[in-house]
Amino acid sequence: MQTELDALAHNNTWSLVPLSTGHKSIGCKWVYKIIYKSDSSVECYKACLVAKGYTQIEGVNYLETFSPTAKLTTIHCLIVVADSCNWPIHQMDVHDAFLHGDLDEVIYMYILHGLHRQGENTVCPRF
């Protein structure tokens, strides 16, 4: 979890500010994943901090979504082409991936417990 927090801080993902009048903020949560080696032993534990975007309403809080993903068919075709051309294939684990895009609105996220001082009502804006 500390590695994820360090990466978020290093990429200037947010700053702590008081919540602006008239704005609402969304929560966040940790998502955990265990990465296994090919022999089924544990390679590492991963933690990812995600905003609770599911609390927003389409058409009210946002107008469109975008999630870049690879389809299994595309990956299969890539492997077939690489095999037929005798190209080497390597697997890579991305440690910290951040999507950067221009937003038309400011999004506020409640900060996690333990990351702010007692009595502070601060949030993380994302522009």
C-alpha atoms as a PDB file:
ATOM      1  CA  MET A   1       0.000   0.000   0.000  1.00  0.00           C
ATOM      2  CA  GLN A   2       2.860   2.350   0.780  1.00  0.00           C
ATOM      3  CA  THR A   3       4.354   1.728  -2.672  1.00  0.00           C
ATOM      4  CA  GLU A   4       1.051   2.770  -4.269  1.00  0.00           C
ATOM      5  CA  LEU A   5       0.821   5.890  -2.087  1.00  0.00           C
ATOM      6  CA  ASP A   6       4.430   6.811  -2.922  1.00  0.00           C
ATOM      7  CA  ALA A   7       3.697   6.429  -6.658  1.00  0.00           C
ATOM      8  CA  LEU A   8       0.579   8.605  -6.391  1.00  0.00           C
ATOM      9  CA  ALA A   9       2.572  11.283  -4.566  1.00  0.00           C
ATOM     10  CA  HIS A  10       5.471  11.055  -7.054  1.00  0.00           C
ATOM     11  CA  ASN A  11       3.084  11.594  -9.997  1.00  0.00           C
ATOM     12  CA  ASN A  12       1.385  14.585  -8.301  1.00  0.00           C
ATOM     13  CA  THR A  13      -1.934  12.793  -8.558  1.00  0.00           C
ATOM     14  CA  TRP A  14      -3.593  15.016  -5.971  1.00  0.00           C
ATOM     15  CA  SER A  15      -3.175  17.770  -3.439  1.00  0.00           C
ATOM     16  CA  LEU A  16      -5.055  18.166  -0.164  1.00  0.00           C
ATOM     17  CA  VAL A  17      -7.486  21.085  -0.145  1.00  0.00           C
ATOM     18  CA  PRO A  18     -10.674  22.015   1.738  1.00  0.00           C
ATOM     19  CA  LEU A  19     -13.853  20.912  -0.059  1.00  0.00           C
ATOM     20  CA  SER A  20     -15.257  23.833  -2.074  1.00  0.00           C
ATOM     21  CA  THR A  21     -18.745  25.008  -1.235  1.00  0.00           C
ATOM     22  CA  GLY A  22     -21.392  23.420  -3.409  1.00  0.00           C
ATOM     23  CA  HIS A  23     -19.236  20.456  -4.441  1.00  0.00           C
ATOM     24  CA  LYS A  24     -19.626  16.815  -3.465  1.00  0.00           C
ATOM     25  CA  SER A  25     -16.792  14.348  -3.123  1.00  0.00           C
ATOM     26  CA  ILE A  26     -16.624  10.626  -3.778  1.00  0.00           C
ATOM     27  CA  GLY A  27     -14.968   8.027  -1.589  1.00  0.00           C
ATOM     28  CA  CYS A  28     -12.107   5.680  -2.323  1.00  0.00           C
ATOM     29  CA  LYS A  29     -11.103   2.157  -1.379  1.00  0.00           C
ATOM     30  CA  TRP A  30      -8.197  -0.250  -1.624  1.00  0.00           C
ATOM     31  CA  VAL A  31      -8.314  -3.107  -4.136  1.00  0.00           C
ATOM     32  CA  TYR A  32      -5.933  -5.985  -3.368  1.00  0.00           C
ATOM     33  CA  LYS A  33      -4.568  -8.641  -5.694  1.00  0.00           C
ATOM     34  CA  ILE A  34      -2.208 -11.584  -5.225  1.00  0.00           C
ATOM     35  CA  ILE A  35       0.194 -12.209  -8.119  1.00  0.00           C
ATOM     36  CA  TYR A  36       1.231 -15.854  -8.511  1.00  0.00           C
ATOM     37  CA  LYS A  37       4.259 -17.409 -10.186  1.00  0.00           C
ATOM     38  CA  SER A  38       3.841 -20.197 -12.744  1.00  0.00           C
ATOM     39  CA  ASP A  39       4.434 -22.789  -9.984  1.00  0.00           C
ATOM     40  CA  SER A  40       1.450 -21.344  -8.003  1.00  0.00           C
ATOM     41  CA  SER A  41       3.628 -19.783  -5.319  1.00  0.00           C
ATOM     42  CA  VAL A  42       3.006 -16.154  -4.356  1.00  0.00           C
ATOM     43  CA  GLU A  43       5.163 -13.700  -6.297  1.00  0.00           C
ATOM     44  CA  CYS A  44       3.870 -10.479  -4.712  1.00  0.00           C
ATOM     45  CA  TYR A  45       0.902  -8.701  -3.198  1.00  0.00           C
ATOM     46  CA  LYS A  46      -0.491  -5.629  -4.979  1.00  0.00           C
ATOM     47  CA  ALA A  47      -2.647  -2.819  -3.687  1.00  0.00           C
ATOM     48  CA  CYS A  48      -4.413  -0.216  -5.803  1.00  0.00           C
ATOM     49  CA  LEU A  49      -6.242   2.852  -4.524  1.00  0.00           C
ATOM     50  CA  VAL A  50      -9.382   3.480  -6.582  1.00  0.00           C
ATOM     51  CA  ALA A  51     -12.087   6.127  -6.469  1.00  0.00           C
ATOM     52  CA  LYS A  52     -15.623   4.898  -5.860  1.00  0.00           C
ATOM     53  CA  GLY A  53     -16.845   6.094  -9.224  1.00  0.00           C
ATOM     54  CA  TYR A  54     -19.870   3.823  -8.994  1.00  0.00           C
ATOM     55  CA  THR A  55     -21.448   6.373  -6.623  1.00  0.00           C
ATOM     56  CA  GLN A  56     -21.770   8.823  -9.521  1.00  0.00           C
ATOM     57  CA  ILE A  57     -24.753   9.017 -11.851  1.00  0.00           C
ATOM     58  CA  GLU A  58     -24.337   9.033 -15.640  1.00  0.00           C
ATOM     59  CA  GLY A  59     -25.651  12.262 -17.138  1.00  0.00           C
ATOM     60  CA  VAL A  60     -25.442  14.040 -13.776  1.00  0.00           C
ATOM     61  CA  ASN A  61     -21.841  13.543 -12.617  1.00  0.00           C
ATOM     62  CA  TYR A  62     -20.330  12.520 -15.964  1.00  0.00           C
ATOM     63  CA  LEU A  63     -21.297  12.243 -19.609  1.00  0.00           C
ATOM     64  CA  GLU A  64     -18.910   9.656 -21.044  1.00  0.00           C
ATOM     65  CA  THR A  65     -16.545   6.853 -20.006  1.00  0.00           C
ATOM     66  CA  PHE A  66     -13.391   5.442 -21.512  1.00  0.00           C
ATOM     67  CA  SER A  67     -11.531   2.334 -20.451  1.00  0.00           C
ATOM     68  CA  PRO A  68      -8.681   1.167 -22.685  1.00  0.00           C
ATOM     69  CA  THR A  69      -8.527  -2.610 -22.590  1.00  0.00           C
ATOM     70  CA  ALA A  70      -7.146  -5.302 -24.832  1.00  0.00           C
ATOM     71  CA  LYS A  71      -9.534  -7.905 -26.166  1.00  0.00           C
ATOM     72  CA  LEU A  72      -8.534 -11.544 -25.838  1.00  0.00           C
ATOM     73  CA  THR A  73      -8.909 -11.971 -29.619  1.00  0.00           C
ATOM     74  CA  THR A  74      -6.345  -9.211 -30.209  1.00  0.00           C
ATOM     75  CA  ILE A  75      -3.858 -10.802 -27.812  1.00  0.00           C
ATOM     76  CA  HIS A  76      -4.387 -14.206 -29.457  1.00  0.00           C
ATOM     77  CA  CYS A  77      -3.720 -12.733 -32.926  1.00  0.00           C
ATOM     78  CA  LEU A  78      -0.581 -11.006 -31.674  1.00  0.00           C
ATOM     79  CA  ILE A  79       0.749 -14.284 -30.232  1.00  0.00           C
ATOM     80  CA  VAL A  80      -0.004 -16.151 -33.480  1.00  0.00           C
ATOM     81  CA  VAL A  81       1.817 -13.521 -35.580  1.00  0.00           C
ATOM     82  CA  ALA A  82       4.786 -13.470 -33.189  1.00  0.00           C
ATOM     83  CA  ASP A  83       4.997 -17.265 -33.292  1.00  0.00           C
ATOM     84  CA  SER A  84       4.824 -17.444 -37.086  1.00  0.00           C
ATOM     85  CA  CYS A  85       7.541 -14.772 -37.418  1.00  0.00           C
ATOM     86  CA  ASN A  86       9.685 -16.315 -34.651  1.00  0.00           C
ATOM     87  CA  TRP A  87       9.521 -13.087 -32.661  1.00  0.00           C
ATOM     88  CA  PRO A  88      10.356 -13.331 -28.951  1.00  0.00           C
ATOM     89  CA  ILE A  89       7.500 -12.637 -26.536  1.00  0.00           C
ATOM     90  CA  HIS A  90       8.059 -11.252 -23.063  1.00  0.00           C
ATOM     91  CA  GLN A  91       5.571 -10.690 -20.288  1.00  0.00           C
ATOM     92  CA  MET A  92       5.805  -7.445 -18.355  1.00  0.00           C
ATOM     93  CA  ASP A  93       4.225  -6.345 -15.112  1.00  0.00           C
ATOM     94  CA  VAL A  94       3.520  -2.618 -15.030  1.00  0.00           C
ATOM     95  CA  HIS A  95       4.226  -1.379 -11.534  1.00  0.00           C
ATOM     96  CA  ASP A  96       2.406   1.958 -11.701  1.00  0.00           C
ATOM     97  CA  ALA A  97       0.110   2.833 -14.574  1.00  0.00           C
ATOM     98  CA  PHE A  98      -1.606   6.186 -14.631  1.00  0.00           C
ATOM     99  CA  LEU A  99      -4.170   7.421 -17.106  1.00  0.00           C
ATOM    100  CA  HIS A 100      -3.724  11.086 -17.880  1.00  0.00           C
ATOM    101  CA  GLY A 101      -6.492  12.917 -19.596  1.00  0.00           C
ATOM    102  CA  ASP A 102      -8.085  16.327 -19.697  1.00  0.00           C
ATOM    103  CA  LEU A 103     -11.170  16.654 -17.536  1.00  0.00           C
ATOM    104  CA  ASP A 104     -13.749  19.400 -17.968  1.00  0.00           C
ATOM    105  CA  GLU A 105     -14.669  19.342 -14.297  1.00  0.00           C
ATOM    106  CA  VAL A 106     -12.962  19.082 -10.932  1.00  0.00           C
ATOM    107  CA  ILE A 107     -13.480  15.778  -9.123  1.00  0.00           C
ATOM    108  CA  TYR A 108     -13.067  15.657  -5.360  1.00  0.00           C
ATOM    109  CA  MET A 109     -12.228  12.433  -3.516  1.00  0.00           C
ATOM    110  CA  TYR A 110     -12.318  11.937   0.242  1.00  0.00           C
ATOM    111  CA  ILE A 111      -8.861  11.236   1.574  1.00  0.00           C
ATOM    112  CA  LEU A 112      -8.184   7.942   3.324  1.00  0.00           C
ATOM    113  CA  HIS A 113      -8.249   7.747   7.095  1.00  0.00           C
ATOM    114  CA  GLY A 114      -4.750   8.182   8.459  1.00  0.00           C
ATOM    115  CA  LEU A 115      -3.535  10.404   5.613  1.00  0.00           C
ATOM    116  CA  HIS A 116      -4.740  13.682   7.098  1.00  0.00           C
ATOM    117  CA  ARG A 117      -4.481  15.375  10.485  1.00  0.00           C
ATOM    118  CA  GLN A 118      -7.170  14.991  13.144  1.00  0.00           C
ATOM    119  CA  GLY A 119     -10.085  17.390  12.559  1.00  0.00           C
ATOM    120  CA  GLU A 120      -9.082  18.335   8.997  1.00  0.00           C
ATOM    121  CA  ASN A 121     -11.826  18.162   6.384  1.00  0.00           C
ATOM    122  CA  THR A 122      -9.646  17.865   3.295  1.00  0.00           C
ATOM    123  CA  VAL A 123     -10.225  16.196  -0.051  1.00  0.00           C
ATOM    124  CA  CYS A 124      -8.106  15.382  -3.108  1.00  0.00           C
ATOM    125  CA  PRO A 125      -9.161  17.287  -6.221  1.00  0.00           C
ATOM    126  CA  ARG A 126      -8.398  15.808  -9.636  1.00  0.00           C
ATOM    127  CA  PHE A 127      -8.438  18.248 -12.552  1.00  0.00           C
END
